[in-house]
């Protein structure tokens, strides 16, 4: 069963759609923000461990870079709330949703890099530089695969089904989000 075209079966105004989209975005941000907070807390505690002074230059650079990436991810994921609060009741909700969505997408990119850097640091310290590089490259590929490639493959499959259904003369709209 093919999915309908966006908004095809909804009876909502543009402002209702913006409200719904912003609500969905905030729910997604709640999930990602938890991951950022856990990562950030982990990174903050590392500097106070007894082994931290023994880190080499590459490990320290990796640590600081990863810590800053986690801070940037947190800033990007909390920016939609600040943007909404600042522009509240100024009749710009569709713009707030559009900008917030871009901030969230950028936050996912930065979070991918922060997780990759964390894996590099931990595996480098625990098993050596080559293992750290291999583990971080694998981590990066998993995130790219799950967060970028998979959604595009799903989108392509949906588009292919719609095209096939339309070519066959079938109108098979399914439930939409």
C-alpha atoms as a PDB file:
ATOM      1  CA  UNK A   1       0.000   0.000   0.000  1.00  0.00           C
ATOM      2  CA  UNK A   2       1.525   3.320  -1.015  1.00  0.00           C
ATOM      3  CA  UNK A   3       1.633   6.334   1.238  1.00  0.00           C
ATOM      4  CA  UNK A   4      -0.352   9.363   0.140  1.00  0.00           C
ATOM      5  CA  UNK A   5       1.299  12.509  -1.028  1.00  0.00           C
ATOM      6  CA  UNK A   6       2.200  14.852   1.838  1.00  0.00           C
ATOM      7  CA  UNK A   7      -0.854  16.514   3.359  1.00  0.00           C
ATOM      8  CA  UNK A   8      -3.127  14.871   0.773  1.00  0.00           C
ATOM      9  CA  UNK A   9      -5.613  13.517   3.273  1.00  0.00           C
ATOM     10  CA  UNK A  10      -5.209  16.081   6.047  1.00  0.00           C
ATOM     11  CA  UNK A  11      -7.615  18.860   6.619  1.00  0.00           C
ATOM     12  CA  UNK A  12      -5.406  21.274   8.497  1.00  0.00           C
ATOM     13  CA  UNK A  13      -4.561  24.888   7.967  1.00  0.00           C
ATOM     14  CA  UNK A  14      -0.944  25.928   7.354  1.00  0.00           C
ATOM     15  CA  UNK A  15      -0.737  27.102  10.983  1.00  0.00           C
ATOM     16  CA  UNK A  16      -2.150  23.815  12.280  1.00  0.00           C
ATOM     17  CA  UNK A  17       0.411  21.988  10.144  1.00  0.00           C
ATOM     18  CA  UNK A  18       3.199  24.185  11.544  1.00  0.00           C
ATOM     19  CA  UNK A  19       2.012  23.487  15.099  1.00  0.00           C
ATOM     20  CA  UNK A  20       1.933  19.746  14.445  1.00  0.00           C
ATOM     21  CA  UNK A  21       5.327  19.766  12.736  1.00  0.00           C
ATOM     22  CA  UNK A  22       6.884  21.767  15.569  1.00  0.00           C
ATOM     23  CA  UNK A  23       5.406  19.415  18.154  1.00  0.00           C
ATOM     24  CA  UNK A  24       6.817  16.400  16.288  1.00  0.00           C
ATOM     25  CA  UNK A  25      10.207  18.103  15.988  1.00  0.00           C
ATOM     26  CA  UNK A  26      10.319  18.845  19.713  1.00  0.00           C
ATOM     27  CA  UNK A  27       9.558  15.206  20.486  1.00  0.00           C
ATOM     28  CA  UNK A  28      12.440  14.123  18.236  1.00  0.00           C
ATOM     29  CA  UNK A  29      14.728  16.621  19.944  1.00  0.00           C
ATOM     30  CA  UNK A  30      13.829  15.224  23.365  1.00  0.00           C
ATOM     31  CA  UNK A  31      15.173  11.843  22.252  1.00  0.00           C
ATOM     32  CA  UNK A  32      18.414  13.189  20.795  1.00  0.00           C
ATOM     33  CA  UNK A  33      18.989  15.620  23.657  1.00  0.00           C
ATOM     34  CA  UNK A  34      19.157  12.727  26.113  1.00  0.00           C
ATOM     35  CA  UNK A  35      21.983  11.159  24.105  1.00  0.00           C
ATOM     36  CA  UNK A  36      23.851  14.450  24.001  1.00  0.00           C
ATOM     37  CA  UNK A  37      23.468  14.945  27.745  1.00  0.00           C
ATOM     38  CA  UNK A  38      24.791  11.476  28.531  1.00  0.00           C
ATOM     39  CA  UNK A  39      27.733  11.926  26.158  1.00  0.00           C
ATOM     40  CA  UNK A  40      28.527  15.369  27.541  1.00  0.00           C
ATOM     41  CA  UNK A  41      28.416  14.136  31.143  1.00  0.00           C
ATOM     42  CA  UNK A  42      30.707  11.241  30.245  1.00  0.00           C
ATOM     43  CA  UNK A  43      33.188  13.582  28.563  1.00  0.00           C
ATOM     44  CA  UNK A  44      33.167  16.037  31.463  1.00  0.00           C
ATOM     45  CA  UNK A  45      34.058  13.312  33.940  1.00  0.00           C
ATOM     46  CA  UNK A  46      36.980  12.029  31.861  1.00  0.00           C
ATOM     47  CA  UNK A  47      39.128  15.076  32.596  1.00  0.00           C
ATOM     48  CA  UNK A  48      38.940  14.277  36.309  1.00  0.00           C
ATOM     49  CA  UNK A  49      40.025  10.641  36.120  1.00  0.00           C
ATOM     50  CA  UNK A  50      43.445   9.505  37.287  1.00  0.00           C
ATOM     51  CA  UNK A  51      44.390   8.305  33.798  1.00  0.00           C
ATOM     52  CA  UNK A  52      43.660  11.618  32.045  1.00  0.00           C
ATOM     53  CA  UNK A  53      47.146  13.132  32.616  1.00  0.00           C
ATOM     54  CA  UNK A  54      48.695  10.199  30.738  1.00  0.00           C
ATOM     55  CA  UNK A  55      46.835  10.957  27.491  1.00  0.00           C
ATOM     56  CA  UNK A  56      49.069  11.825  24.559  1.00  0.00           C
ATOM     57  CA  UNK A  57      48.618  14.930  22.398  1.00  0.00           C
ATOM     58  CA  UNK A  58      46.359  13.235  19.832  1.00  0.00           C
ATOM     59  CA  UNK A  59      44.125  11.867  22.580  1.00  0.00           C
ATOM     60  CA  UNK A  60      43.878  15.258  24.273  1.00  0.00           C
ATOM     61  CA  UNK A  61      43.019  16.964  20.979  1.00  0.00           C
ATOM     62  CA  UNK A  62      40.421  14.265  20.319  1.00  0.00           C
ATOM     63  CA  UNK A  63      39.000  14.787  23.801  1.00  0.00           C
ATOM     64  CA  UNK A  64      38.723  18.565  23.533  1.00  0.00           C
ATOM     65  CA  UNK A  65      37.335  18.415  19.996  1.00  0.00           C
ATOM     66  CA  UNK A  66      34.751  15.824  21.009  1.00  0.00           C
ATOM     67  CA  UNK A  67      33.773  17.796  24.105  1.00  0.00           C
ATOM     68  CA  UNK A  68      33.256  20.925  22.000  1.00  0.00           C
ATOM     69  CA  UNK A  69      31.259  18.969  19.417  1.00  0.00           C
ATOM     70  CA  UNK A  70      28.988  17.691  22.199  1.00  0.00           C
ATOM     71  CA  UNK A  71      28.497  21.275  23.420  1.00  0.00           C
ATOM     72  CA  UNK A  72      27.692  22.409  19.883  1.00  0.00           C
ATOM     73  CA  UNK A  73      25.222  19.531  19.416  1.00  0.00           C
ATOM     74  CA  UNK A  74      23.497  20.491  22.671  1.00  0.00           C
ATOM     75  CA  UNK A  75      23.312  24.109  21.517  1.00  0.00           C
ATOM     76  CA  UNK A  76      21.849  23.117  18.145  1.00  0.00           C
ATOM     77  CA  UNK A  77      19.267  20.804  19.724  1.00  0.00           C
ATOM     78  CA  UNK A  78      18.118  23.401  22.266  1.00  0.00           C
ATOM     79  CA  UNK A  79      18.065  26.315  19.800  1.00  0.00           C
ATOM     80  CA  UNK A  80      14.549  25.538  18.495  1.00  0.00           C
ATOM     81  CA  UNK A  81      13.129  26.106  21.986  1.00  0.00           C
ATOM     82  CA  UNK A  82      15.027  29.386  22.326  1.00  0.00           C
ATOM     83  CA  UNK A  83      13.968  30.475  18.845  1.00  0.00           C
ATOM     84  CA  UNK A  84      10.341  29.662  19.573  1.00  0.00           C
ATOM     85  CA  UNK A  85      10.453  31.427  22.924  1.00  0.00           C
ATOM     86  CA  UNK A  86      12.035  34.541  21.397  1.00  0.00           C
ATOM     87  CA  UNK A  87       9.581  34.718  18.502  1.00  0.00           C
ATOM     88  CA  UNK A  88       6.505  33.569  20.462  1.00  0.00           C
ATOM     89  CA  UNK A  89       3.230  35.104  19.257  1.00  0.00           C
ATOM     90  CA  UNK A  90       4.856  36.982  16.391  1.00  0.00           C
ATOM     91  CA  UNK A  91       3.003  34.937  13.762  1.00  0.00           C
ATOM     92  CA  UNK A  92       6.134  33.313  12.331  1.00  0.00           C
ATOM     93  CA  UNK A  93       5.562  29.668  13.323  1.00  0.00           C
ATOM     94  CA  UNK A  94       6.198  28.232   9.808  1.00  0.00           C
ATOM     95  CA  UNK A  95       9.579  29.994   9.722  1.00  0.00           C
ATOM     96  CA  UNK A  96      10.392  28.811  13.239  1.00  0.00           C
ATOM     97  CA  UNK A  97       9.589  25.229  12.187  1.00  0.00           C
ATOM     98  CA  UNK A  98      11.688  25.472   9.017  1.00  0.00           C
ATOM     99  CA  UNK A  99      14.719  26.962  10.800  1.00  0.00           C
ATOM    100  CA  UNK A 100      14.353  24.578  13.750  1.00  0.00           C
ATOM    101  CA  UNK A 101      14.300  21.608  11.409  1.00  0.00           C
ATOM    102  CA  UNK A 102      17.569  22.772   9.841  1.00  0.00           C
ATOM    103  CA  UNK A 103      19.124  23.271  13.284  1.00  0.00           C
ATOM    104  CA  UNK A 104      18.080  19.745  14.257  1.00  0.00           C
ATOM    105  CA  UNK A 105      19.535  18.285  11.049  1.00  0.00           C
ATOM    106  CA  UNK A 106      22.814  20.099  11.658  1.00  0.00           C
ATOM    107  CA  UNK A 107      22.717  18.889  15.262  1.00  0.00           C
ATOM    108  CA  UNK A 108      22.530  15.291  14.023  1.00  0.00           C
ATOM    109  CA  UNK A 109      25.629  15.826  11.877  1.00  0.00           C
ATOM    110  CA  UNK A 110      27.523  17.309  14.823  1.00  0.00           C
ATOM    111  CA  UNK A 111      26.281  14.555  17.134  1.00  0.00           C
ATOM    112  CA  UNK A 112      27.558  11.946  14.677  1.00  0.00           C
ATOM    113  CA  UNK A 113      30.990  13.552  14.844  1.00  0.00           C
ATOM    114  CA  UNK A 114      30.858  13.757  18.650  1.00  0.00           C
ATOM    115  CA  UNK A 115      29.980  10.069  18.985  1.00  0.00           C
ATOM    116  CA  UNK A 116      32.673   9.180  16.468  1.00  0.00           C
ATOM    117  CA  UNK A 117      35.248  11.193  18.403  1.00  0.00           C
ATOM    118  CA  UNK A 118      34.195   9.590  21.692  1.00  0.00           C
ATOM    119  CA  UNK A 119      34.648   6.120  20.256  1.00  0.00           C
ATOM    120  CA  UNK A 120      38.028   7.135  18.825  1.00  0.00           C
ATOM    121  CA  UNK A 121      39.202   8.391  22.199  1.00  0.00           C
ATOM    122  CA  UNK A 122      37.988   5.463  24.294  1.00  0.00           C
ATOM    123  CA  UNK A 123      39.136   2.725  21.930  1.00  0.00           C
ATOM    124  CA  UNK A 124      42.472   4.500  21.335  1.00  0.00           C
ATOM    125  CA  UNK A 125      43.128   4.587  25.091  1.00  0.00           C
ATOM    126  CA  UNK A 126      41.896   1.035  25.663  1.00  0.00           C
ATOM    127  CA  UNK A 127      43.296  -0.780  22.621  1.00  0.00           C
ATOM    128  CA  UNK A 128      45.562   1.535  20.641  1.00  0.00           C
ATOM    129  CA  UNK A 129      45.436   4.051  17.850  1.00  0.00           C
ATOM    130  CA  UNK A 130      44.747   1.680  14.930  1.00  0.00           C
ATOM    131  CA  UNK A 131      41.853   0.043  16.762  1.00  0.00           C
ATOM    132  CA  UNK A 132      40.542   3.489  17.718  1.00  0.00           C
ATOM    133  CA  UNK A 133      40.611   4.688  14.134  1.00  0.00           C
ATOM    134  CA  UNK A 134      38.905   1.510  12.906  1.00  0.00           C
ATOM    135  CA  UNK A 135      36.220   1.705  15.606  1.00  0.00           C
ATOM    136  CA  UNK A 136      35.539   5.391  15.011  1.00  0.00           C
ATOM    137  CA  UNK A 137      35.359   4.916  11.231  1.00  0.00           C
ATOM    138  CA  UNK A 138      32.900   2.061  11.782  1.00  0.00           C
ATOM    139  CA  UNK A 139      30.867   4.226  14.152  1.00  0.00           C
ATOM    140  CA  UNK A 140      30.743   7.009  11.580  1.00  0.00           C
ATOM    141  CA  UNK A 141      29.612   4.597   8.861  1.00  0.00           C
ATOM    142  CA  UNK A 142      26.873   3.150  11.078  1.00  0.00           C
ATOM    143  CA  UNK A 143      25.492   6.612  11.812  1.00  0.00           C
ATOM    144  CA  UNK A 144      25.660   7.689   8.180  1.00  0.00           C
ATOM    145  CA  UNK A 145      23.996   4.446   7.169  1.00  0.00           C
ATOM    146  CA  UNK A 146      21.178   4.682   9.691  1.00  0.00           C
ATOM    147  CA  UNK A 147      20.616   8.428   9.692  1.00  0.00           C
ATOM    148  CA  UNK A 148      21.224   9.316   6.012  1.00  0.00           C
ATOM    149  CA  UNK A 149      21.314   6.293   3.714  1.00  0.00           C
ATOM    150  CA  UNK A 150      18.424   4.308   5.218  1.00  0.00           C
ATOM    151  CA  UNK A 151      15.922   7.218   5.148  1.00  0.00           C
ATOM    152  CA  UNK A 152      16.815   7.900   1.511  1.00  0.00           C
ATOM    153  CA  UNK A 153      16.354   4.239   0.639  1.00  0.00           C
ATOM    154  CA  UNK A 154      12.956   4.212   2.347  1.00  0.00           C
ATOM    155  CA  UNK A 155      12.009   7.409   0.539  1.00  0.00           C
ATOM    156  CA  UNK A 156      13.085   5.909  -2.801  1.00  0.00           C
ATOM    157  CA  UNK A 157      11.048   2.759  -2.102  1.00  0.00           C
ATOM    158  CA  UNK A 158       7.961   4.816  -1.262  1.00  0.00           C
ATOM    159  CA  UNK A 159       8.410   6.916  -4.391  1.00  0.00           C
ATOM    160  CA  UNK A 160       8.857   3.777  -6.517  1.00  0.00           C
ATOM    161  CA  UNK A 161       5.656   2.277  -5.057  1.00  0.00           C
ATOM    162  CA  UNK A 162       3.727   5.472  -5.756  1.00  0.00           C
ATOM    163  CA  UNK A 163       5.012   5.558  -9.322  1.00  0.00           C
ATOM    164  CA  UNK A 164       4.127   1.884  -9.858  1.00  0.00           C
ATOM    165  CA  UNK A 165       0.662   2.327  -8.352  1.00  0.00           C
ATOM    166  CA  UNK A 166      -0.017   5.399 -10.487  1.00  0.00           C
ATOM    167  CA  UNK A 167       1.195   3.605 -13.631  1.00  0.00           C
ATOM    168  CA  UNK A 168      -1.135   0.712 -12.801  1.00  0.00           C
ATOM    169  CA  UNK A 169      -4.015   3.123 -12.289  1.00  0.00           C
ATOM    170  CA  UNK A 170      -4.325   2.252  -8.604  1.00  0.00           C
ATOM    171  CA  UNK A 171      -5.127   4.848  -6.026  1.00  0.00           C
ATOM    172  CA  UNK A 172      -4.007   3.270  -2.774  1.00  0.00           C
ATOM    173  CA  UNK A 173      -3.471   5.977  -0.228  1.00  0.00           C
ATOM    174  CA  UNK A 174      -2.501   4.733   3.194  1.00  0.00           C
ATOM    175  CA  UNK A 175      -2.339   6.376   6.566  1.00  0.00           C
ATOM    176  CA  UNK A 176      -0.114   9.405   6.878  1.00  0.00           C
ATOM    177  CA  UNK A 177       1.770  10.865   9.797  1.00  0.00           C
END
